[in-house]
Amino acid sequence: MNLGYSLLVYNVNVNIQLPTKVHVTQQYDVIKPTVEKIYDLEYERQVKRAYLMLGNQATAIDVVSEAFVELINRYESIAKPQAYLHTIVLNGCRKAGRKAKKEDSLDGIEPATHDIQEDLDDCLNKLSHKQRAMVVMKFYEGLTEQEIAYQLDCRAGSIGPTVNRALKILKRELQ
């Protein structure tokens, strides 16, 4: 059963059908949190996320710091500052990852010793940015597929297959 709604716009009658059930996946506070509150809540979490995406602590701190500077500069015009921060950090990781790959290809020199963390970082770097983000969010942060889809702005049905493909790549690389 759909609820009907009629609207008169410039002498043109428009009928809009509204669904009977509306599903809200996430609620937002009415009061926008301050930058200081967001920093207290998100800084460490975003640095950990960036580190897992990039494999380099210093670069992760730089990416998150730059993200907070951008958030501060645009705070007044942003409706959802925490979601915006998350997006900036992911984009910063993507940019830093491309830069690091470019620099690595120019160096062409592999270090003689590796530890397990370096091997894992190398395997994670074989994944696309989207796959790496999904793996980090699902297994490190424990987010649901719906939450991951919301944060990455994609369909929830695409999360499972993408994560499975990423896990197959990781398994192949680690063997």
C-alpha atoms as a PDB file:
ATOM      1  CA  MET A   1       0.000   0.000   0.000  1.00  0.00           C
ATOM      2  CA  ASN A   2       1.504   3.333  -1.042  1.00  0.00           C
ATOM      3  CA  LEU A   3       0.449   6.639   0.370  1.00  0.00           C
ATOM      4  CA  GLY A   4      -0.385   9.181  -2.279  1.00  0.00           C
ATOM      5  CA  TYR A   5       0.587  12.803  -2.116  1.00  0.00           C
ATOM      6  CA  SER A   6      -0.519  15.462  -4.536  1.00  0.00           C
ATOM      7  CA  LEU A   7       1.408  18.636  -5.129  1.00  0.00           C
ATOM      8  CA  LEU A   8       0.425  21.618  -7.221  1.00  0.00           C
ATOM      9  CA  VAL A   9       3.521  23.092  -8.875  1.00  0.00           C
ATOM     10  CA  TYR A  10       3.069  26.004 -11.299  1.00  0.00           C
ATOM     11  CA  ASN A  11      -0.468  24.870 -12.118  1.00  0.00           C
ATOM     12  CA  VAL A  12       0.750  21.329 -12.921  1.00  0.00           C
ATOM     13  CA  ASN A  13      -0.652  18.534 -10.777  1.00  0.00           C
ATOM     14  CA  VAL A  14       2.109  16.083  -9.752  1.00  0.00           C
ATOM     15  CA  ASN A  15       1.322  12.856  -7.899  1.00  0.00           C
ATOM     16  CA  ILE A  16       4.102  11.411  -5.759  1.00  0.00           C
ATOM     17  CA  GLN A  17       3.860   7.866  -4.394  1.00  0.00           C
ATOM     18  CA  LEU A  18       5.449   7.473  -0.973  1.00  0.00           C
ATOM     19  CA  PRO A  19       6.477   4.057   0.377  1.00  0.00           C
ATOM     20  CA  THR A  20       4.637   2.841   3.470  1.00  0.00           C
ATOM     21  CA  LYS A  21       7.859   1.927   5.303  1.00  0.00           C
ATOM     22  CA  VAL A  22      10.959   4.064   5.419  1.00  0.00           C
ATOM     23  CA  HIS A  23      14.153   2.384   6.642  1.00  0.00           C
ATOM     24  CA  VAL A  24      16.670   4.635   8.363  1.00  0.00           C
ATOM     25  CA  THR A  25      20.091   3.005   8.628  1.00  0.00           C
ATOM     26  CA  GLN A  26      21.806   5.552  10.817  1.00  0.00           C
ATOM     27  CA  GLN A  27      20.735   8.392  13.059  1.00  0.00           C
ATOM     28  CA  TYR A  28      22.603  11.655  13.405  1.00  0.00           C
ATOM     29  CA  ASP A  29      22.745  14.015  16.325  1.00  0.00           C
ATOM     30  CA  VAL A  30      20.824  17.204  15.851  1.00  0.00           C
ATOM     31  CA  ILE A  31      23.702  19.207  17.317  1.00  0.00           C
ATOM     32  CA  LYS A  32      26.849  19.248  15.191  1.00  0.00           C
ATOM     33  CA  PRO A  33      29.899  18.208  17.262  1.00  0.00           C
ATOM     34  CA  THR A  34      32.744  20.681  17.638  1.00  0.00           C
ATOM     35  CA  VAL A  35      36.074  20.139  15.906  1.00  0.00           C
ATOM     36  CA  GLU A  36      37.681  19.536  19.306  1.00  0.00           C
ATOM     37  CA  LYS A  37      35.142  16.806  20.111  1.00  0.00           C
ATOM     38  CA  ILE A  38      35.656  15.196  16.698  1.00  0.00           C
ATOM     39  CA  TYR A  39      39.424  15.312  17.223  1.00  0.00           C
ATOM     40  CA  ASP A  40      39.119  13.637  20.632  1.00  0.00           C
ATOM     41  CA  LEU A  41      36.831  10.922  19.247  1.00  0.00           C
ATOM     42  CA  GLU A  42      38.425  10.289  15.866  1.00  0.00           C
ATOM     43  CA  TYR A  43      42.154  11.115  15.807  1.00  0.00           C
ATOM     44  CA  GLU A  44      43.579   7.812  17.074  1.00  0.00           C
ATOM     45  CA  ARG A  45      41.024   5.762  15.151  1.00  0.00           C
ATOM     46  CA  GLN A  46      41.774   7.585  11.903  1.00  0.00           C
ATOM     47  CA  VAL A  47      45.552   7.238  12.392  1.00  0.00           C
ATOM     48  CA  LYS A  48      45.154   3.487  12.948  1.00  0.00           C
ATOM     49  CA  ARG A  49      42.936   3.208   9.871  1.00  0.00           C
ATOM     50  CA  ALA A  50      45.396   5.218   7.761  1.00  0.00           C
ATOM     51  CA  TYR A  51      48.303   3.100   9.035  1.00  0.00           C
ATOM     52  CA  LEU A  52      46.524  -0.087   8.060  1.00  0.00           C
ATOM     53  CA  MET A  53      45.825   1.396   4.638  1.00  0.00           C
ATOM     54  CA  LEU A  54      49.356   2.712   4.052  1.00  0.00           C
ATOM     55  CA  GLY A  55      51.672   0.606   6.220  1.00  0.00           C
ATOM     56  CA  ASN A  56      53.651   3.667   7.338  1.00  0.00           C
ATOM     57  CA  GLN A  57      53.033   5.412  10.668  1.00  0.00           C
ATOM     58  CA  ALA A  58      54.543   8.768   9.708  1.00  0.00           C
ATOM     59  CA  THR A  59      52.568   8.969   6.479  1.00  0.00           C
ATOM     60  CA  ALA A  60      49.394   7.961   8.326  1.00  0.00           C
ATOM     61  CA  ILE A  61      49.871  10.783  10.846  1.00  0.00           C
ATOM     62  CA  ASP A  62      50.510  13.249   8.004  1.00  0.00           C
ATOM     63  CA  VAL A  63      47.358  12.175   6.152  1.00  0.00           C
ATOM     64  CA  VAL A  64      45.169  12.483   9.255  1.00  0.00           C
ATOM     65  CA  SER A  65      46.713  15.821  10.239  1.00  0.00           C
ATOM     66  CA  GLU A  66      46.077  17.218   6.764  1.00  0.00           C
ATOM     67  CA  ALA A  67      42.517  15.889   6.941  1.00  0.00           C
ATOM     68  CA  PHE A  68      41.888  17.748  10.204  1.00  0.00           C
ATOM     69  CA  VAL A  69      43.316  20.964   8.741  1.00  0.00           C
ATOM     70  CA  GLU A  70      40.889  20.650   5.814  1.00  0.00           C
ATOM     71  CA  LEU A  71      38.030  19.857   8.197  1.00  0.00           C
ATOM     72  CA  ILE A  72      38.798  22.979  10.255  1.00  0.00           C
ATOM     73  CA  ASN A  73      38.945  25.145   7.129  1.00  0.00           C
ATOM     74  CA  ARG A  74      35.583  23.887   5.818  1.00  0.00           C
ATOM     75  CA  TYR A  75      33.799  23.104   9.094  1.00  0.00           C
ATOM     76  CA  GLU A  76      31.071  25.744   8.796  1.00  0.00           C
ATOM     77  CA  SER A  77      29.926  24.488   5.378  1.00  0.00           C
ATOM     78  CA  ILE A  78      29.888  20.774   6.295  1.00  0.00           C
ATOM     79  CA  ALA A  79      26.682  19.129   7.514  1.00  0.00           C
ATOM     80  CA  LYS A  80      28.261  15.837   8.660  1.00  0.00           C
ATOM     81  CA  PRO A  81      31.826  16.592   9.778  1.00  0.00           C
ATOM     82  CA  GLN A  82      32.711  13.053  10.941  1.00  0.00           C
ATOM     83  CA  ALA A  83      31.635  11.503   7.633  1.00  0.00           C
ATOM     84  CA  TYR A  84      33.521  14.246   5.805  1.00  0.00           C
ATOM     85  CA  LEU A  85      36.646  13.533   7.881  1.00  0.00           C
ATOM     86  CA  HIS A  86      36.409   9.845   7.071  1.00  0.00           C
ATOM     87  CA  THR A  87      36.172  10.631   3.360  1.00  0.00           C
ATOM     88  CA  ILE A  88      39.132  13.018   3.500  1.00  0.00           C
ATOM     89  CA  VAL A  89      41.275  10.414   5.278  1.00  0.00           C
ATOM     90  CA  LEU A  90      40.374   7.707   2.741  1.00  0.00           C
ATOM     91  CA  ASN A  91      41.141  10.041  -0.158  1.00  0.00           C
ATOM     92  CA  GLY A  92      44.388  11.102   1.519  1.00  0.00           C
ATOM     93  CA  CYS A  93      45.386   7.443   1.891  1.00  0.00           C
ATOM     94  CA  ARG A  94      44.591   6.853  -1.762  1.00  0.00           C
ATOM     95  CA  LYS A  95      46.735   9.827  -2.783  1.00  0.00           C
ATOM     96  CA  ALA A  96      49.624   8.877  -0.465  1.00  0.00           C
ATOM     97  CA  GLY A  97      49.470   5.263  -1.677  1.00  0.00           C
ATOM     98  CA  ARG A  98      49.774   6.351  -5.306  1.00  0.00           C
ATOM     99  CA  LYS A  99      52.684   8.616  -4.409  1.00  0.00           C
ATOM    100  CA  ALA A 100      54.446   5.826  -2.485  1.00  0.00           C
ATOM    101  CA  LYS A 101      54.003   3.358  -5.360  1.00  0.00           C
ATOM    102  CA  LYS A 102      55.443   5.900  -7.769  1.00  0.00           C
ATOM    103  CA  GLU A 103      58.445   6.507  -5.493  1.00  0.00           C
ATOM    104  CA  ASP A 104      58.982   2.750  -4.982  1.00  0.00           C
ATOM    105  CA  SER A 105      59.001   2.122  -8.699  1.00  0.00           C
ATOM    106  CA  LEU A 106      61.614   4.852  -9.113  1.00  0.00           C
ATOM    107  CA  ASP A 107      63.812   3.409  -6.358  1.00  0.00           C
ATOM    108  CA  GLY A 108      63.676  -0.179  -7.606  1.00  0.00           C
ATOM    109  CA  ILE A 109      65.709  -1.414  -4.619  1.00  0.00           C
ATOM    110  CA  GLU A 110      64.268  -4.034  -2.273  1.00  0.00           C
ATOM    111  CA  PRO A 111      65.625  -4.239   1.276  1.00  0.00           C
ATOM    112  CA  ALA A 112      67.426  -7.463   2.125  1.00  0.00           C
ATOM    113  CA  THR A 113      65.419  -8.268   5.253  1.00  0.00           C
ATOM    114  CA  HIS A 114      61.674  -8.379   5.764  1.00  0.00           C
ATOM    115  CA  ASP A 115      59.594  -9.014   8.819  1.00  0.00           C
ATOM    116  CA  ILE A 116      56.028 -10.314   8.977  1.00  0.00           C
ATOM    117  CA  GLN A 117      54.512  -6.819   9.170  1.00  0.00           C
ATOM    118  CA  GLU A 118      56.359  -5.786   5.996  1.00  0.00           C
ATOM    119  CA  ASP A 119      55.127  -8.921   4.211  1.00  0.00           C
ATOM    120  CA  LEU A 120      51.562  -8.195   5.319  1.00  0.00           C
ATOM    121  CA  ASP A 121      51.893  -4.550   4.224  1.00  0.00           C
ATOM    122  CA  ASP A 122      53.170  -5.714   0.822  1.00  0.00           C
ATOM    123  CA  CYS A 123      50.194  -8.052   0.478  1.00  0.00           C
ATOM    124  CA  LEU A 124      47.746  -5.306   1.449  1.00  0.00           C
ATOM    125  CA  ASN A 125      49.354  -3.065  -1.165  1.00  0.00           C
ATOM    126  CA  LYS A 126      48.417  -5.641  -3.826  1.00  0.00           C
ATOM    127  CA  LEU A 127      44.757  -4.878  -3.116  1.00  0.00           C
ATOM    128  CA  SER A 128      42.931  -1.999  -4.722  1.00  0.00           C
ATOM    129  CA  HIS A 129      42.199   0.958  -2.482  1.00  0.00           C
ATOM    130  CA  LYS A 130      38.543  -0.038  -2.226  1.00  0.00           C
ATOM    131  CA  GLN A 131      39.372  -3.657  -1.333  1.00  0.00           C
ATOM    132  CA  ARG A 132      41.917  -2.564   1.276  1.00  0.00           C
ATOM    133  CA  ALA A 133      39.428  -0.110   2.805  1.00  0.00           C
ATOM    134  CA  MET A 134      36.744  -2.796   3.006  1.00  0.00           C
ATOM    135  CA  VAL A 135      39.090  -5.349   4.599  1.00  0.00           C
ATOM    136  CA  VAL A 136      40.277  -2.825   7.202  1.00  0.00           C
ATOM    137  CA  MET A 137      36.736  -1.705   8.023  1.00  0.00           C
ATOM    138  CA  LYS A 138      35.331  -5.236   8.217  1.00  0.00           C
ATOM    139  CA  PHE A 139      38.069  -7.049  10.123  1.00  0.00           C
ATOM    140  CA  TYR A 140      39.863  -4.282  12.030  1.00  0.00           C
ATOM    141  CA  GLU A 141      36.973  -1.991  12.882  1.00  0.00           C
ATOM    142  CA  GLY A 142      34.271  -4.672  12.923  1.00  0.00           C
ATOM    143  CA  LEU A 143      31.808  -2.655  10.841  1.00  0.00           C
ATOM    144  CA  THR A 144      28.785  -4.308   9.250  1.00  0.00           C
ATOM    145  CA  GLU A 145      28.353  -4.442   5.483  1.00  0.00           C
ATOM    146  CA  GLN A 146      25.708  -1.720   5.683  1.00  0.00           C
ATOM    147  CA  GLU A 147      28.040   0.564   7.649  1.00  0.00           C
ATOM    148  CA  ILE A 148      30.888  -0.047   5.205  1.00  0.00           C
ATOM    149  CA  ALA A 149      28.583   0.634   2.262  1.00  0.00           C
ATOM    150  CA  TYR A 150      27.439   3.886   3.847  1.00  0.00           C
ATOM    151  CA  GLN A 151      30.993   5.072   4.525  1.00  0.00           C
ATOM    152  CA  LEU A 152      32.281   4.129   1.059  1.00  0.00           C
ATOM    153  CA  ASP A 153      29.100   5.243  -0.710  1.00  0.00           C
ATOM    154  CA  CYS A 154      28.477   1.934  -2.482  1.00  0.00           C
ATOM    155  CA  ARG A 155      25.859  -0.838  -2.440  1.00  0.00           C
ATOM    156  CA  ALA A 156      25.846  -3.139   0.596  1.00  0.00           C
ATOM    157  CA  GLY A 157      25.535  -6.144  -1.724  1.00  0.00           C
ATOM    158  CA  SER A 158      28.934  -5.402  -3.243  1.00  0.00           C
ATOM    159  CA  ILE A 159      30.812  -5.554   0.070  1.00  0.00           C
ATOM    160  CA  GLY A 160      30.793  -9.344   0.579  1.00  0.00           C
ATOM    161  CA  PRO A 161      32.028 -10.298  -2.910  1.00  0.00           C
ATOM    162  CA  THR A 162      34.683  -7.578  -2.857  1.00  0.00           C
ATOM    163  CA  VAL A 163      35.975  -8.685   0.557  1.00  0.00           C
ATOM    164  CA  ASN A 164      36.022 -12.334  -0.605  1.00  0.00           C
ATOM    165  CA  ARG A 165      38.065 -11.397  -3.690  1.00  0.00           C
ATOM    166  CA  ALA A 166      40.439  -9.422  -1.467  1.00  0.00           C
ATOM    167  CA  LEU A 167      40.859 -12.374   0.900  1.00  0.00           C
ATOM    168  CA  LYS A 168      41.655 -14.676  -2.024  1.00  0.00           C
ATOM    169  CA  ILE A 169      44.330 -12.235  -3.183  1.00  0.00           C
ATOM    170  CA  LEU A 170      45.787 -12.026   0.334  1.00  0.00           C
ATOM    171  CA  LYS A 171      45.798 -15.802   0.693  1.00  0.00           C
ATOM    172  CA  ARG A 172      47.539 -16.227  -2.661  1.00  0.00           C
ATOM    173  CA  GLU A 173      50.134 -13.573  -1.821  1.00  0.00           C
ATOM    174  CA  LEU A 174      50.870 -14.953   1.651  1.00  0.00           C
ATOM    175  CA  GLN A 175      51.518 -18.508   0.412  1.00  0.00           C
END
